[in-house]
């Protein structure tokens, strides 16, 4: 229980600190016989502030509840 609480708490703090995360997705634009052209496309996912605050509150609550 304590490990899950710490993971949720850290996830909340990271969500508040960074505001989201980005990832790269390969999109295939053209296939011409054996030649294949792919273009990496960078996308960003924003994490709302309320979600980060919620994760921090839930993580802290689990941490306190685990000690009882």
PDB file of N, CA and C in Angstrom:
ATOM      1  N   UNK A   1       0.823  -1.184   0.000  1.00  0.00           N
ATOM      2  CA  UNK A   1       0.000   0.000   0.000  1.00  0.00           C
ATOM      3  C   UNK A   1       0.874   1.257   0.000  1.00  0.00           C
ATOM      4  N   UNK A   2       1.950   1.216   0.761  1.00  0.00           N
ATOM      5  CA  UNK A   2       2.831   2.375   0.850  1.00  0.00           C
ATOM      6  C   UNK A   2       3.522   2.654  -0.486  1.00  0.00           C
ATOM      7  N   UNK A   3       3.907   1.602  -1.192  1.00  0.00           N
ATOM      8  CA  UNK A   3       4.572   1.770  -2.488  1.00  0.00           C
ATOM      9  C   UNK A   3       3.627   2.415  -3.499  1.00  0.00           C
ATOM     10  N   UNK A   4       2.385   1.966  -3.529  1.00  0.00           N
ATOM     11  CA  UNK A   4       1.398   2.538  -4.450  1.00  0.00           C
ATOM     12  C   UNK A   4       1.172   4.009  -4.115  1.00  0.00           C
ATOM     13  N   UNK A   5       1.095   4.332  -2.830  1.00  0.00           N
ATOM     14  CA  UNK A   5       0.895   5.717  -2.401  1.00  0.00           C
ATOM     15  C   UNK A   5       2.043   6.602  -2.857  1.00  0.00           C
ATOM     16  N   UNK A   6       3.255   6.118  -2.730  1.00  0.00           N
ATOM     17  CA  UNK A   6       4.422   6.902  -3.141  1.00  0.00           C
ATOM     18  C   UNK A   6       4.441   7.089  -4.650  1.00  0.00           C
ATOM     19  N   UNK A   7       4.099   6.045  -5.406  1.00  0.00           N
ATOM     20  CA  UNK A   7       4.062   6.148  -6.874  1.00  0.00           C
ATOM     21  C   UNK A   7       3.010   7.163  -7.315  1.00  0.00           C
ATOM     22  N   UNK A   8       1.822   7.125  -6.710  1.00  0.00           N
ATOM     23  CA  UNK A   8       0.762   8.070  -7.060  1.00  0.00           C
ATOM     24  C   UNK A   8       1.173   9.490  -6.678  1.00  0.00           C
ATOM     25  N   UNK A   9       1.786   9.649  -5.532  1.00  0.00           N
ATOM     26  CA  UNK A   9       2.238  10.966  -5.081  1.00  0.00           C
ATOM     27  C   UNK A   9       3.299  11.536  -6.020  1.00  0.00           C
ATOM     28  N   UNK A  10       4.260  10.724  -6.401  1.00  0.00           N
ATOM     29  CA  UNK A  10       5.315  11.169  -7.320  1.00  0.00           C
ATOM     30  C   UNK A  10       4.721  11.497  -8.694  1.00  0.00           C
ATOM     31  N   UNK A  11       3.771  10.697  -9.160  1.00  0.00           N
ATOM     32  CA  UNK A  11       3.120  10.978 -10.438  1.00  0.00           C
ATOM     33  C   UNK A  11       2.393  12.317 -10.397  1.00  0.00           C
ATOM     34  N   UNK A  12       1.753  12.623  -9.294  1.00  0.00           N
ATOM     35  CA  UNK A  12       1.078  13.902  -9.145  1.00  0.00           C
ATOM     36  C   UNK A  12       2.041  15.071  -9.145  1.00  0.00           C
ATOM     37  N   UNK A  13       3.146  14.923  -8.438  1.00  0.00           N
ATOM     38  CA  UNK A  13       4.153  15.991  -8.391  1.00  0.00           C
ATOM     39  C   UNK A  13       4.754  16.207  -9.778  1.00  0.00           C
ATOM     40  N   UNK A  14       5.045  15.121 -10.493  1.00  0.00           N
ATOM     41  CA  UNK A  14       5.585  15.252 -11.848  1.00  0.00           C
ATOM     42  C   UNK A  14       4.572  15.881 -12.792  1.00  0.00           C
ATOM     43  N   UNK A  15       3.295  15.537 -12.645  1.00  0.00           N
ATOM     44  CA  UNK A  15       2.249  16.128 -13.483  1.00  0.00           C
ATOM     45  C   UNK A  15       2.159  17.627 -13.245  1.00  0.00           C
ATOM     46  N   UNK A  16       2.297  18.046 -12.004  1.00  0.00           N
ATOM     47  CA  UNK A  16       2.270  19.476 -11.697  1.00  0.00           C
ATOM     48  C   UNK A  16       3.537  20.178 -12.190  1.00  0.00           C
ATOM     49  N   UNK A  17       4.671  19.525 -12.085  1.00  0.00           N
ATOM     50  CA  UNK A  17       5.941  20.147 -12.464  1.00  0.00           C
ATOM     51  C   UNK A  17       6.074  20.298 -13.982  1.00  0.00           C
ATOM     52  N   UNK A  18       5.715  19.270 -14.737  1.00  0.00           N
ATOM     53  CA  UNK A  18       5.917  19.285 -16.178  1.00  0.00           C
ATOM     54  C   UNK A  18       4.661  19.681 -16.958  1.00  0.00           C
ATOM     55  N   UNK A  19       3.488  19.481 -16.401  1.00  0.00           N
ATOM     56  CA  UNK A  19       2.260  19.867 -17.077  1.00  0.00           C
ATOM     57  C   UNK A  19       1.852  18.955 -18.208  1.00  0.00           C
ATOM     58  N   UNK A  20       2.552  17.872 -18.414  1.00  0.00           N
ATOM     59  CA  UNK A  20       2.213  16.931 -19.482  1.00  0.00           C
ATOM     60  C   UNK A  20       3.437  16.167 -19.927  1.00  0.00           C
ATOM     61  N   UNK A  21       3.276  15.453 -21.026  1.00  0.00           N
ATOM     62  CA  UNK A  21       4.410  14.708 -21.576  1.00  0.00           C
ATOM     63  C   UNK A  21       4.280  14.684 -23.093  1.00  0.00           C
ATOM     64  N   UNK A  22       5.393  14.429 -23.759  1.00  0.00           N
ATOM     65  CA  UNK A  22       5.397  14.372 -25.217  1.00  0.00           C
ATOM     66  C   UNK A  22       5.924  13.016 -25.657  1.00  0.00           C
ATOM     67  N   UNK A  23       5.512  12.629 -26.840  1.00  0.00           N
ATOM     68  CA  UNK A  23       5.968  11.370 -27.423  1.00  0.00           C
ATOM     69  C   UNK A  23       6.084  11.542 -28.928  1.00  0.00           C
ATOM     70  N   UNK A  24       6.837  10.645 -29.551  1.00  0.00           N
ATOM     71  CA  UNK A  24       7.054  10.685 -30.989  1.00  0.00           C
ATOM     72  C   UNK A  24       6.308   9.532 -31.645  1.00  0.00           C
ATOM     73  N   UNK A  25       5.557   9.865 -32.679  1.00  0.00           N
ATOM     74  CA  UNK A  25       4.796   8.853 -33.407  1.00  0.00           C
ATOM     75  C   UNK A  25       5.271   8.866 -34.858  1.00  0.00           C
ATOM     76  N   UNK A  26       5.619   7.698 -35.381  1.00  0.00           N
ATOM     77  CA  UNK A  26       6.028   7.599 -36.778  1.00  0.00           C
ATOM     78  C   UNK A  26       4.793   7.514 -37.657  1.00  0.00           C
ATOM     79  N   UNK A  27       4.704   8.430 -38.600  1.00  0.00           N
ATOM     80  CA  UNK A  27       3.602   8.391 -39.561  1.00  0.00           C
ATOM     81  C   UNK A  27       4.171   8.016 -40.916  1.00  0.00           C
ATOM     82  N   UNK A  28       3.529   7.094 -41.580  1.00  0.00           N
ATOM     83  CA  UNK A  28       3.994   6.646 -42.887  1.00  0.00           C
ATOM     84  C   UNK A  28       3.298   7.478 -43.951  1.00  0.00           C
ATOM     85  N   UNK A  29       4.081   8.301 -44.624  1.00  0.00           N
ATOM     86  CA  UNK A  29       3.532   9.221 -45.609  1.00  0.00           C
ATOM     87  C   UNK A  29       3.488   8.606 -47.005  1.00  0.00           C
ATOM     88  N   UNK A  30       4.489   7.814 -47.371  1.00  0.00           N
ATOM     89  CA  UNK A  30       4.531   7.297 -48.741  1.00  0.00           C
ATOM     90  C   UNK A  30       5.214   5.937 -48.783  1.00  0.00           C
ATOM     91  N   UNK A  31       4.645   5.061 -49.591  1.00  0.00           N
ATOM     92  CA  UNK A  31       5.273   3.774 -49.895  1.00  0.00           C
ATOM     93  C   UNK A  31       5.365   3.668 -51.408  1.00  0.00           C
ATOM     94  N   UNK A  32       6.589   3.682 -51.919  1.00  0.00           N
ATOM     95  CA  UNK A  32       6.822   3.577 -53.349  1.00  0.00           C
ATOM     96  C   UNK A  32       7.691   2.357 -53.612  1.00  0.00           C
ATOM     97  N   UNK A  33       7.047   1.224 -53.850  1.00  0.00           N
ATOM     98  CA  UNK A  33       7.776  -0.022 -54.046  1.00  0.00           C
ATOM     99  C   UNK A  33       8.547  -0.371 -52.793  1.00  0.00           C
ATOM    100  N   UNK A  34       9.857  -0.624 -52.928  1.00  0.00           N
ATOM    101  CA  UNK A  34      10.641  -0.970 -51.745  1.00  0.00           C
ATOM    102  C   UNK A  34      11.004   0.254 -50.892  1.00  0.00           C
ATOM    103  N   UNK A  35      10.736   1.443 -51.405  1.00  0.00           N
ATOM    104  CA  UNK A  35      11.065   2.663 -50.683  1.00  0.00           C
ATOM    105  C   UNK A  35       9.897   3.090 -49.805  1.00  0.00           C
ATOM    106  N   UNK A  36      10.187   3.293 -48.540  1.00  0.00           N
ATOM    107  CA  UNK A  36       9.152   3.709 -47.596  1.00  0.00           C
ATOM    108  C   UNK A  36       9.654   4.938 -46.847  1.00  0.00           C
ATOM    109  N   UNK A  37       8.869   5.980 -46.884  1.00  0.00           N
ATOM    110  CA  UNK A  37       9.237   7.226 -46.231  1.00  0.00           C
ATOM    111  C   UNK A  37       8.358   7.391 -44.995  1.00  0.00           C
ATOM    112  N   UNK A  38       8.993   7.560 -43.847  1.00  0.00           N
ATOM    113  CA  UNK A  38       8.236   7.800 -42.625  1.00  0.00           C
ATOM    114  C   UNK A  38       8.714   9.103 -42.000  1.00  0.00           C
ATOM    115  N   UNK A  39       7.767   9.818 -41.465  1.00  0.00           N
ATOM    116  CA  UNK A  39       8.061  11.113 -40.864  1.00  0.00           C
ATOM    117  C   UNK A  39       7.726  11.031 -39.375  1.00  0.00           C
ATOM    118  N   UNK A  40       8.702  11.271 -38.503  1.00  0.00           N
ATOM    119  CA  UNK A  40       8.389  11.277 -37.068  1.00  0.00           C
ATOM    120  C   UNK A  40       7.597  12.541 -36.718  1.00  0.00           C
ATOM    121  N   UNK A  41       6.511  12.352 -35.999  1.00  0.00           N
ATOM    122  CA  UNK A  41       5.665  13.463 -35.601  1.00  0.00           C
ATOM    123  C   UNK A  41       5.639  13.529 -34.076  1.00  0.00           C
ATOM    124  N   UNK A  42       6.006  14.673 -33.546  1.00  0.00           N
ATOM    125  CA  UNK A  42       6.056  14.845 -32.099  1.00  0.00           C
ATOM    126  C   UNK A  42       4.703  15.354 -31.614  1.00  0.00           C
ATOM    127  N   UNK A  43       4.145  14.669 -30.626  1.00  0.00           N
ATOM    128  CA  UNK A  43       2.853  15.056 -30.075  1.00  0.00           C
ATOM    129  C   UNK A  43       3.012  15.310 -28.579  1.00  0.00           C
ATOM    130  N   UNK A  44       2.148  16.175 -28.044  1.00  0.00           N
ATOM    131  CA  UNK A  44       2.189  16.518 -26.619  1.00  0.00           C
ATOM    132  C   UNK A  44       0.826  16.269 -26.002  1.00  0.00           C
ATOM    133  N   UNK A  45       0.835  15.640 -24.839  1.00  0.00           N
ATOM    134  CA  UNK A  45      -0.375  15.403 -24.064  1.00  0.00           C
ATOM    135  C   UNK A  45      -0.284  16.266 -22.814  1.00  0.00           C
ATOM    136  N   UNK A  46      -1.243  17.160 -22.652  1.00  0.00           N
ATOM    137  CA  UNK A  46      -1.262  18.037 -21.479  1.00  0.00           C
ATOM    138  C   UNK A  46      -2.056  17.392 -20.358  1.00  0.00           C
ATOM    139  N   UNK A  47      -1.506  17.430 -19.156  1.00  0.00           N
ATOM    140  CA  UNK A  47      -2.188  16.916 -17.971  1.00  0.00           C
ATOM    141  C   UNK A  47      -2.767  18.120 -17.232  1.00  0.00           C
ATOM    142  N   UNK A  48      -4.085  18.154 -17.014  1.00  0.00           N
ATOM    143  CA  UNK A  48      -4.676  19.301 -16.327  1.00  0.00           C
ATOM    144  C   UNK A  48      -4.154  19.443 -14.890  1.00  0.00           C
ATOM    145  N   UNK A  49      -4.157  20.667 -14.404  1.00  0.00           N
ATOM    146  CA  UNK A  49      -3.666  20.941 -13.053  1.00  0.00           C
ATOM    147  C   UNK A  49      -4.498  20.195 -12.015  1.00  0.00           C
ATOM    148  N   UNK A  50      -5.826  20.127 -12.229  1.00  0.00           N
ATOM    149  CA  UNK A  50      -6.687  19.456 -11.256  1.00  0.00           C
ATOM    150  C   UNK A  50      -6.341  17.976 -11.143  1.00  0.00           C
ATOM    151  N   UNK A  51      -5.885  17.364 -12.243  1.00  0.00           N
ATOM    152  CA  UNK A  51      -5.505  15.945 -12.186  1.00  0.00           C
ATOM    153  C   UNK A  51      -4.228  15.768 -11.355  1.00  0.00           C
ATOM    154  N   UNK A  52      -3.265  16.672 -11.525  1.00  0.00           N
ATOM    155  CA  UNK A  52      -2.035  16.603 -10.741  1.00  0.00           C
ATOM    156  C   UNK A  52      -2.303  16.809  -9.260  1.00  0.00           C
ATOM    157  N   UNK A  53      -3.148  17.797  -8.941  1.00  0.00           N
ATOM    158  CA  UNK A  53      -3.496  18.054  -7.548  1.00  0.00           C
ATOM    159  C   UNK A  53      -4.248  16.857  -6.969  1.00  0.00           C
ATOM    160  N   UNK A  54      -5.149  16.270  -7.770  1.00  0.00           N
ATOM    161  CA  UNK A  54      -5.894  15.093  -7.312  1.00  0.00           C
ATOM    162  C   UNK A  54      -4.984  13.918  -7.014  1.00  0.00           C
ATOM    163  N   UNK A  55      -3.995  13.692  -7.869  1.00  0.00           N
ATOM    164  CA  UNK A  55      -3.052  12.600  -7.625  1.00  0.00           C
ATOM    165  C   UNK A  55      -2.236  12.837  -6.351  1.00  0.00           C
ATOM    166  N   UNK A  56      -1.845  14.073  -6.121  1.00  0.00           N
ATOM    167  CA  UNK A  56      -1.086  14.378  -4.904  1.00  0.00           C
ATOM    168  C   UNK A  56      -1.945  14.135  -3.671  1.00  0.00           C
ATOM    169  N   UNK A  57      -3.208  14.581  -3.716  1.00  0.00           N
ATOM    170  CA  UNK A  57      -4.103  14.394  -2.563  1.00  0.00           C
ATOM    171  C   UNK A  57      -4.365  12.919  -2.315  1.00  0.00           C
ATOM    172  N   UNK A  58      -4.642  12.172  -3.386  1.00  0.00           N
ATOM    173  CA  UNK A  58      -4.917  10.722  -3.230  1.00  0.00           C
ATOM    174  C   UNK A  58      -3.661  10.003  -2.730  1.00  0.00           C
ATOM    175  N   UNK A  59      -2.489  10.330  -3.275  1.00  0.00           N
ATOM    176  CA  UNK A  59      -1.253   9.698  -2.822  1.00  0.00           C
ATOM    177  C   UNK A  59      -0.954   9.986  -1.366  1.00  0.00           C
ATOM    178  N   UNK A  60      -1.155  11.249  -0.957  1.00  0.00           N
ATOM    179  CA  UNK A  60      -0.937  11.603   0.449  1.00  0.00           C
ATOM    180  C   UNK A  60      -1.958  10.907   1.348  1.00  0.00           C
ATOM    181  N   UNK A  61      -3.202  10.825   0.896  1.00  0.00           N
ATOM    182  CA  UNK A  61      -4.233  10.134   1.665  1.00  0.00           C
ATOM    183  C   UNK A  61      -3.930   8.654   1.842  1.00  0.00           C
ATOM    184  N   UNK A  62      -3.463   8.021   0.776  1.00  0.00           N
ATOM    185  CA  UNK A  62      -3.096   6.601   0.869  1.00  0.00           C
ATOM    186  C   UNK A  62      -1.904   6.413   1.789  1.00  0.00           C
ATOM    187  N   UNK A  63      -0.972   7.349   1.740  1.00  0.00           N
ATOM    188  CA  UNK A  63       0.218   7.251   2.596  1.00  0.00           C
ATOM    189  C   UNK A  63      -0.170   7.386   4.068  1.00  0.00           C
ATOM    190  N   UNK A  64      -1.071   8.298   4.378  1.00  0.00           N
ATOM    191  CA  UNK A  64      -1.517   8.479   5.757  1.00  0.00           C
ATOM    192  C   UNK A  64      -2.379   7.296   6.208  1.00  0.00           C
ATOM    193  N   UNK A  65      -3.254   6.816   5.321  1.00  0.00           N
ATOM    194  CA  UNK A  65      -4.120   5.695   5.664  1.00  0.00           C
ATOM    195  C   UNK A  65      -3.315   4.402   5.842  1.00  0.00           C
ATOM    196  N   UNK A  66      -2.204   4.273   5.129  1.00  0.00           N
ATOM    197  CA  UNK A  66      -1.377   3.078   5.246  1.00  0.00           C
ATOM    198  C   UNK A  66      -0.637   2.996   6.567  1.00  0.00           C
ATOM    199  N   UNK A  67      -0.433   4.129   7.210  1.00  0.00           N
ATOM    200  CA  UNK A  67       0.302   4.130   8.482  1.00  0.00           C
ATOM    201  C   UNK A  67      -0.586   3.755   9.667  1.00  0.00           C
ATOM    202  N   UNK A  68      -1.903   3.840   9.481  1.00  0.00           N
ATOM    203  CA  UNK A  68      -2.812   3.543  10.600  1.00  0.00           C
ATOM    204  C   UNK A  68      -2.960   2.057  10.820  1.00  0.00           C
TER     205      UNK A  68
END
